[in-house]
Amino acid sequence: MSKPIQSELARLDALITRCEALAEQSPGICRLRVGLLAHLGIVVVLAVVVGSVQLSVLLIFAIAGLSIIINELVAYGANLIGLERLSFDRSTGLAGPFRSGKYDNC
């Protein structure tokens, strides 16, 4: 093994030894510290999830607000009235009128 890895392993071994000694001296405190660390992890995960949801909602409202401010919110269906519907024929490469009895009743 290389020298940096050995020194890191030695440091980790010393930390484990120190934690084991602390656990033998006062197991209640050690259990409390582990429990608090677990709760801290849960709080961090929940904070990330809640923050992501809040950011998503904020972006949706920001986009909706911008569209209202710049008068971009329109009824798109109203713009389609009077437009001719076309179908594309691949064999000829031309577009022609498209009619169907079911939907051409307006």
C-alpha atoms as a PDB file:
ATOM      1  CA  MET A   1       0.000   0.000   0.000  1.00  0.00           C
ATOM      2  CA  SER A   2       1.064   3.536  -0.576  1.00  0.00           C
ATOM      3  CA  LYS A   3       2.120   5.862   2.222  1.00  0.00           C
ATOM      4  CA  PRO A   4      -0.982   8.185   2.137  1.00  0.00           C
ATOM      5  CA  ILE A   5      -3.349   5.196   2.368  1.00  0.00           C
ATOM      6  CA  GLN A   6      -1.382   3.735   5.299  1.00  0.00           C
ATOM      7  CA  SER A   7      -1.455   7.021   7.187  1.00  0.00           C
ATOM      8  CA  GLU A   8      -5.196   7.342   6.547  1.00  0.00           C
ATOM      9  CA  LEU A   9      -5.775   3.801   7.785  1.00  0.00           C
ATOM     10  CA  ALA A  10      -3.698   4.506  10.902  1.00  0.00           C
ATOM     11  CA  ARG A  11      -5.723   7.644  11.584  1.00  0.00           C
ATOM     12  CA  LEU A  12      -8.974   5.722  11.100  1.00  0.00           C
ATOM     13  CA  ASP A  13      -7.752   2.931  13.403  1.00  0.00           C
ATOM     14  CA  ALA A  14      -6.934   5.498  16.119  1.00  0.00           C
ATOM     15  CA  LEU A  15     -10.398   7.030  15.761  1.00  0.00           C
ATOM     16  CA  ILE A  16     -12.063   3.611  16.081  1.00  0.00           C
ATOM     17  CA  THR A  17      -9.978   2.820  19.173  1.00  0.00           C
ATOM     18  CA  ARG A  18     -10.951   6.135  20.762  1.00  0.00           C
ATOM     19  CA  CYS A  19     -14.662   5.558  19.995  1.00  0.00           C
ATOM     20  CA  GLU A  20     -14.519   2.019  21.415  1.00  0.00           C
ATOM     21  CA  ALA A  21     -12.949   3.348  24.610  1.00  0.00           C
ATOM     22  CA  LEU A  22     -15.663   5.992  24.909  1.00  0.00           C
ATOM     23  CA  ALA A  23     -18.373   3.334  24.349  1.00  0.00           C
ATOM     24  CA  GLU A  24     -16.900   1.170  27.141  1.00  0.00           C
ATOM     25  CA  GLN A  25     -16.669   4.080  29.578  1.00  0.00           C
ATOM     26  CA  SER A  26     -20.179   5.446  29.002  1.00  0.00           C
ATOM     27  CA  PRO A  27     -22.404   3.376  26.719  1.00  0.00           C
ATOM     28  CA  GLY A  28     -25.429   5.621  27.358  1.00  0.00           C
ATOM     29  CA  ILE A  29     -23.677   8.705  26.009  1.00  0.00           C
ATOM     30  CA  CYS A  30     -22.384   6.771  23.036  1.00  0.00           C
ATOM     31  CA  ARG A  31     -25.892   5.483  22.280  1.00  0.00           C
ATOM     32  CA  LEU A  32     -27.239   9.034  22.628  1.00  0.00           C
ATOM     33  CA  ARG A  33     -24.633  10.412  20.215  1.00  0.00           C
ATOM     34  CA  VAL A  34     -25.417   7.733  17.618  1.00  0.00           C
ATOM     35  CA  GLY A  35     -29.156   8.377  17.990  1.00  0.00           C
ATOM     36  CA  LEU A  36     -28.689  12.129  17.604  1.00  0.00           C
ATOM     37  CA  LEU A  37     -26.549  11.580  14.520  1.00  0.00           C
ATOM     38  CA  ALA A  38     -29.263   9.352  13.001  1.00  0.00           C
ATOM     39  CA  HIS A  39     -31.916  11.971  13.727  1.00  0.00           C
ATOM     40  CA  LEU A  40     -29.732  14.656  12.209  1.00  0.00           C
ATOM     41  CA  GLY A  41     -29.460  12.583   9.030  1.00  0.00           C
ATOM     42  CA  ILE A  42     -33.241  12.215   8.840  1.00  0.00           C
ATOM     43  CA  VAL A  43     -33.710  15.959   9.342  1.00  0.00           C
ATOM     44  CA  VAL A  44     -31.224  16.731   6.564  1.00  0.00           C
ATOM     45  CA  VAL A  45     -32.960  14.357   4.126  1.00  0.00           C
ATOM     46  CA  LEU A  46     -36.379  15.814   4.963  1.00  0.00           C
ATOM     47  CA  ALA A  47     -35.033  19.350   4.571  1.00  0.00           C
ATOM     48  CA  VAL A  48     -33.721  18.510   1.094  1.00  0.00           C
ATOM     49  CA  VAL A  49     -37.055  16.955   0.066  1.00  0.00           C
ATOM     50  CA  VAL A  50     -39.137  19.842   1.444  1.00  0.00           C
ATOM     51  CA  GLY A  51     -36.768  22.379  -0.117  1.00  0.00           C
ATOM     52  CA  SER A  52     -37.036  20.676  -3.493  1.00  0.00           C
ATOM     53  CA  VAL A  53     -40.830  20.706  -3.360  1.00  0.00           C
ATOM     54  CA  GLN A  54     -40.862  24.358  -2.312  1.00  0.00           C
ATOM     55  CA  LEU A  55     -38.487  25.276  -5.114  1.00  0.00           C
ATOM     56  CA  SER A  56     -40.653  23.443  -7.658  1.00  0.00           C
ATOM     57  CA  VAL A  57     -43.807  25.208  -6.479  1.00  0.00           C
ATOM     58  CA  LEU A  58     -42.000  28.549  -6.487  1.00  0.00           C
ATOM     59  CA  LEU A  59     -40.816  28.017 -10.063  1.00  0.00           C
ATOM     60  CA  ILE A  60     -44.316  27.053 -11.215  1.00  0.00           C
ATOM     61  CA  PHE A  61     -45.803  30.183  -9.654  1.00  0.00           C
ATOM     62  CA  ALA A  62     -42.978  32.324 -11.048  1.00  0.00           C
ATOM     63  CA  ILE A  63     -43.584  31.039 -14.576  1.00  0.00           C
ATOM     64  CA  ALA A  64     -47.348  31.537 -14.227  1.00  0.00           C
ATOM     65  CA  GLY A  65     -46.819  35.033 -12.835  1.00  0.00           C
ATOM     66  CA  LEU A  66     -44.469  35.970 -15.640  1.00  0.00           C
ATOM     67  CA  SER A  67     -46.890  34.745 -18.262  1.00  0.00           C
ATOM     68  CA  ILE A  68     -49.646  36.896 -16.739  1.00  0.00           C
ATOM     69  CA  ILE A  69     -47.387  39.931 -16.448  1.00  0.00           C
ATOM     70  CA  ILE A  70     -46.298  39.822 -20.085  1.00  0.00           C
ATOM     71  CA  ASN A  71     -49.856  39.049 -21.267  1.00  0.00           C
ATOM     72  CA  GLU A  72     -48.856  35.726 -22.712  1.00  0.00           C
ATOM     73  CA  LEU A  73     -51.760  33.913 -21.065  1.00  0.00           C
ATOM     74  CA  VAL A  74     -54.272  33.452 -23.872  1.00  0.00           C
ATOM     75  CA  ALA A  75     -56.980  31.013 -24.794  1.00  0.00           C
ATOM     76  CA  TYR A  76     -55.143  29.038 -27.443  1.00  0.00           C
ATOM     77  CA  GLY A  77     -58.284  27.279 -28.701  1.00  0.00           C
ATOM     78  CA  ALA A  78     -59.830  30.606 -29.739  1.00  0.00           C
ATOM     79  CA  ASN A  79     -56.906  31.191 -32.088  1.00  0.00           C
ATOM     80  CA  LEU A  80     -57.655  27.953 -33.968  1.00  0.00           C
ATOM     81  CA  ILE A  81     -61.177  28.912 -35.074  1.00  0.00           C
ATOM     82  CA  GLY A  82     -61.328  29.314 -38.815  1.00  0.00           C
ATOM     83  CA  LEU A  83     -58.046  27.561 -39.548  1.00  0.00           C
ATOM     84  CA  GLU A  84     -58.201  24.826 -42.131  1.00  0.00           C
ATOM     85  CA  ARG A  85     -57.113  21.376 -41.018  1.00  0.00           C
ATOM     86  CA  LEU A  86     -54.656  19.689 -43.351  1.00  0.00           C
ATOM     87  CA  SER A  87     -53.367  16.170 -43.800  1.00  0.00           C
ATOM     88  CA  PHE A  88     -50.007  15.300 -45.322  1.00  0.00           C
ATOM     89  CA  ASP A  89     -49.771  12.652 -48.030  1.00  0.00           C
ATOM     90  CA  ARG A  90     -46.338  11.033 -47.866  1.00  0.00           C
ATOM     91  CA  SER A  91     -46.514   9.477 -51.313  1.00  0.00           C
ATOM     92  CA  THR A  92     -47.107  12.793 -53.102  1.00  0.00           C
ATOM     93  CA  GLY A  93     -45.468  15.078 -50.556  1.00  0.00           C
ATOM     94  CA  LEU A  94     -48.471  17.427 -50.613  1.00  0.00           C
ATOM     95  CA  ALA A  95     -50.817  18.663 -47.924  1.00  0.00           C
ATOM     96  CA  GLY A  96     -54.548  18.659 -48.587  1.00  0.00           C
ATOM     97  CA  PRO A  97     -57.694  19.472 -46.625  1.00  0.00           C
ATOM     98  CA  PHE A  98     -58.657  17.006 -43.942  1.00  0.00           C
ATOM     99  CA  ARG A  99     -62.316  16.339 -43.183  1.00  0.00           C
ATOM    100  CA  SER A 100     -63.944  13.858 -40.861  1.00  0.00           C
ATOM    101  CA  GLY A 101     -67.632  13.518 -40.132  1.00  0.00           C
ATOM    102  CA  LYS A 102     -67.079  13.051 -36.434  1.00  0.00           C
ATOM    103  CA  TYR A 103     -65.145  16.249 -35.725  1.00  0.00           C
ATOM    104  CA  ASP A 104     -66.194  18.661 -38.498  1.00  0.00           C
ATOM    105  CA  ASN A 105     -69.540  19.571 -37.030  1.00  0.00           C
ATOM    106  CA  CYS A 106     -68.770  23.106 -35.797  1.00  0.00           C
END
